[in-house]
Each structure stands twice: as C-alpha cells, then as structure tokens.
Amino acid sequence: MGVSAVRGLVSTAVARIIIADVVADDAISQKIRDKHPPLTFETVRQALIYAKDVRPAWVEDEEHGRRVMAEAKTYGDTRFVVYMAPDLRNGCL
C-alpha cells in the first residue's frame, strides 16, 4: 500500500504541529530499510516523537494533497526528511 500517517494535534491559531504517533505499513518500513540505511522505521518514529529538534510543517502537493513534512535527527545523529499523510480516518489532522 505504501502509506505512512501521522497522528497529532494542530492548532489553527498558532499553526503548531505536535506529532503524537507515526504509523506505517510494511511497504514503507521495508522502503526505509532498503533505501535509507542505517534508518529503520522505528528509529524514524522515535526521532519524530521524542527528539527536541523536530521541525514539522504543512506542505501542499498537487499529487498527494496536504501532508506534514518533518526534518529530524535520530539519536545516532542521522538527519532525515519525511513526508506523512494525516490520519483523517481517526479524526487526526
């Protein structure tokens, strides 16, 4: 399927994004392992949820629509950029 999603809260007043959870199917997890070593889905997830220097922002894309783009760094000091779809099925922006 190839879908990753972010669950969190967005305040329209201050436009702050809080990433509370990140989910991905097996295809996304495999893609991360194959194309972006030493990253794994779990290291990416941990960095997005727990790291201090995560920089998320809303981005508009013609093909994919509105998504969250986040720049982060793992505990092993590997920097990465990820694009995530909001989990609208669960009422999360």
C-alpha atoms as a PDB file:
ATOM      1  CA  MET A   1       0.000   0.000   0.000  1.00  0.00           C
ATOM      2  CA  GLY A   2       2.846   2.421   0.738  1.00  0.00           C
ATOM      3  CA  VAL A   3       1.169   4.756   3.207  1.00  0.00           C
ATOM      4  CA  SER A   4       2.573   6.406   6.296  1.00  0.00           C
ATOM      5  CA  ALA A   5       0.491   8.568   8.586  1.00  0.00           C
ATOM      6  CA  VAL A   6       0.910  10.968  11.427  1.00  0.00           C
ATOM      7  CA  ARG A   7      -1.408  11.338  14.390  1.00  0.00           C
ATOM      8  CA  GLY A   8      -1.299  14.584  16.265  1.00  0.00           C
ATOM      9  CA  LEU A   9      -2.925  17.872  17.020  1.00  0.00           C
ATOM     10  CA  VAL A  10      -2.895  21.066  15.009  1.00  0.00           C
ATOM     11  CA  SER A  11      -3.894  24.389  16.459  1.00  0.00           C
ATOM     12  CA  THR A  12      -5.024  26.726  13.701  1.00  0.00           C
ATOM     13  CA  ALA A  13      -4.426  29.702  15.989  1.00  0.00           C
ATOM     14  CA  VAL A  14      -0.691  29.101  16.230  1.00  0.00           C
ATOM     15  CA  ALA A  15      -0.275  26.556  13.415  1.00  0.00           C
ATOM     16  CA  ARG A  16       1.838  24.295  15.629  1.00  0.00           C
ATOM     17  CA  ILE A  17       2.078  20.621  14.761  1.00  0.00           C
ATOM     18  CA  ILE A  18       2.549  18.070  17.513  1.00  0.00           C
ATOM     19  CA  ILE A  19       3.455  14.584  16.322  1.00  0.00           C
ATOM     20  CA  ALA A  20       1.922  12.151  18.808  1.00  0.00           C
ATOM     21  CA  ASP A  21       2.365   8.923  16.837  1.00  0.00           C
ATOM     22  CA  VAL A  22       3.611   7.718  13.459  1.00  0.00           C
ATOM     23  CA  VAL A  23       2.323   4.590  11.748  1.00  0.00           C
ATOM     24  CA  ALA A  24       3.477   2.902   8.558  1.00  0.00           C
ATOM     25  CA  ASP A  25       2.645  -0.262   6.702  1.00  0.00           C
ATOM     26  CA  ASP A  26       5.182  -2.969   5.879  1.00  0.00           C
ATOM     27  CA  ALA A  27       5.958  -1.486   2.437  1.00  0.00           C
ATOM     28  CA  ILE A  28       7.054   1.834   3.948  1.00  0.00           C
ATOM     29  CA  SER A  29       9.094   0.095   6.651  1.00  0.00           C
ATOM     30  CA  GLN A  30      10.834  -2.008   4.002  1.00  0.00           C
ATOM     31  CA  LYS A  31      11.486   1.039   1.798  1.00  0.00           C
ATOM     32  CA  ILE A  32      13.154   2.858   4.692  1.00  0.00           C
ATOM     33  CA  ARG A  33      15.392  -0.148   5.446  1.00  0.00           C
ATOM     34  CA  ASP A  34      16.302  -0.730   1.779  1.00  0.00           C
ATOM     35  CA  LYS A  35      16.811   2.818   0.545  1.00  0.00           C
ATOM     36  CA  HIS A  36      17.937   4.732   3.613  1.00  0.00           C
ATOM     37  CA  PRO A  37      20.312   2.709   5.810  1.00  0.00           C
ATOM     38  CA  PRO A  38      21.051   2.992   8.687  1.00  0.00           C
ATOM     39  CA  LEU A  39      17.482   4.250   9.219  1.00  0.00           C
ATOM     40  CA  THR A  40      14.662   1.932  10.231  1.00  0.00           C
ATOM     41  CA  PHE A  41      11.006   2.790  10.713  1.00  0.00           C
ATOM     42  CA  GLU A  42      11.438   2.527  14.479  1.00  0.00           C
ATOM     43  CA  THR A  43      14.404   4.945  14.596  1.00  0.00           C
ATOM     44  CA  VAL A  44      12.473   7.402  12.399  1.00  0.00           C
ATOM     45  CA  ARG A  45       9.352   7.052  14.570  1.00  0.00           C
ATOM     46  CA  GLN A  46      11.317   7.555  17.800  1.00  0.00           C
ATOM     47  CA  ALA A  47      13.070  10.634  16.440  1.00  0.00           C
ATOM     48  CA  LEU A  48       9.811  12.201  15.224  1.00  0.00           C
ATOM     49  CA  ILE A  49       8.017  11.639  18.525  1.00  0.00           C
ATOM     50  CA  TYR A  50      10.766  12.135  21.128  1.00  0.00           C
ATOM     51  CA  ALA A  51      13.539  14.317  19.677  1.00  0.00           C
ATOM     52  CA  LYS A  52      13.692  18.016  20.602  1.00  0.00           C
ATOM     53  CA  ASP A  53      14.755  19.404  17.242  1.00  0.00           C
ATOM     54  CA  VAL A  54      11.957  18.067  15.006  1.00  0.00           C
ATOM     55  CA  ARG A  55      10.771  20.731  12.559  1.00  0.00           C
ATOM     56  CA  PRO A  56       7.324  19.804  11.149  1.00  0.00           C
ATOM     57  CA  ALA A  57       5.393  21.935   8.653  1.00  0.00           C
ATOM     58  CA  TRP A  58       2.309  21.586   6.485  1.00  0.00           C
ATOM     59  CA  VAL A  59       3.057  21.318   2.760  1.00  0.00           C
ATOM     60  CA  GLU A  60       0.704  21.215  -0.202  1.00  0.00           C
ATOM     61  CA  ASP A  61       1.408  18.798  -3.049  1.00  0.00           C
ATOM     62  CA  GLU A  62      -0.550  18.510  -6.309  1.00  0.00           C
ATOM     63  CA  GLU A  63      -0.320  14.732  -6.355  1.00  0.00           C
ATOM     64  CA  HIS A  64      -0.517  13.882  -2.636  1.00  0.00           C
ATOM     65  CA  GLY A  65      -2.507  16.783  -1.202  1.00  0.00           C
ATOM     66  CA  ARG A  66      -1.800  18.306   2.203  1.00  0.00           C
ATOM     67  CA  ARG A  67       0.894  16.496   4.163  1.00  0.00           C
ATOM     68  CA  VAL A  68       3.220  17.027   7.072  1.00  0.00           C
ATOM     69  CA  MET A  69       6.881  17.403   6.153  1.00  0.00           C
ATOM     70  CA  ALA A  70       9.248  16.990   9.073  1.00  0.00           C
ATOM     71  CA  GLU A  71      13.001  17.377   9.374  1.00  0.00           C
ATOM     72  CA  ALA A  72      14.552  15.477  12.252  1.00  0.00           C
ATOM     73  CA  LYS A  73      17.668  13.750  13.548  1.00  0.00           C
ATOM     74  CA  THR A  74      17.932  10.273  15.088  1.00  0.00           C
ATOM     75  CA  TYR A  75      19.710   9.577  18.362  1.00  0.00           C
ATOM     76  CA  GLY A  76      22.564   8.279  16.204  1.00  0.00           C
ATOM     77  CA  ASP A  77      22.818  11.749  14.621  1.00  0.00           C
ATOM     78  CA  THR A  78      21.386  10.755  11.204  1.00  0.00           C
ATOM     79  CA  ARG A  79      19.394  13.605   9.688  1.00  0.00           C
ATOM     80  CA  PHE A  80      16.322  12.851   7.565  1.00  0.00           C
ATOM     81  CA  VAL A  81      13.227  14.399   6.000  1.00  0.00           C
ATOM     82  CA  VAL A  82       9.901  12.582   5.981  1.00  0.00           C
ATOM     83  CA  TYR A  83       6.534  13.305   4.343  1.00  0.00           C
ATOM     84  CA  MET A  84       3.455  11.988   6.164  1.00  0.00           C
ATOM     85  CA  ALA A  85      -0.248  11.952   5.407  1.00  0.00           C
ATOM     86  CA  PRO A  86      -2.574  12.984   8.243  1.00  0.00           C
ATOM     87  CA  ASP A  87      -4.626  10.112   9.670  1.00  0.00           C
ATOM     88  CA  LEU A  88      -8.046  11.534   8.836  1.00  0.00           C
ATOM     89  CA  ARG A  89      -9.801   8.188   9.455  1.00  0.00           C
ATOM     90  CA  ASN A  90      -9.164   8.599  13.169  1.00  0.00           C
ATOM     91  CA  GLY A  91     -10.049  12.270  13.293  1.00  0.00           C
ATOM     92  CA  CYS A  92      -6.443  13.422  13.489  1.00  0.00           C
ATOM     93  CA  LEU A  93      -5.165  16.299  11.462  1.00  0.00           C
END
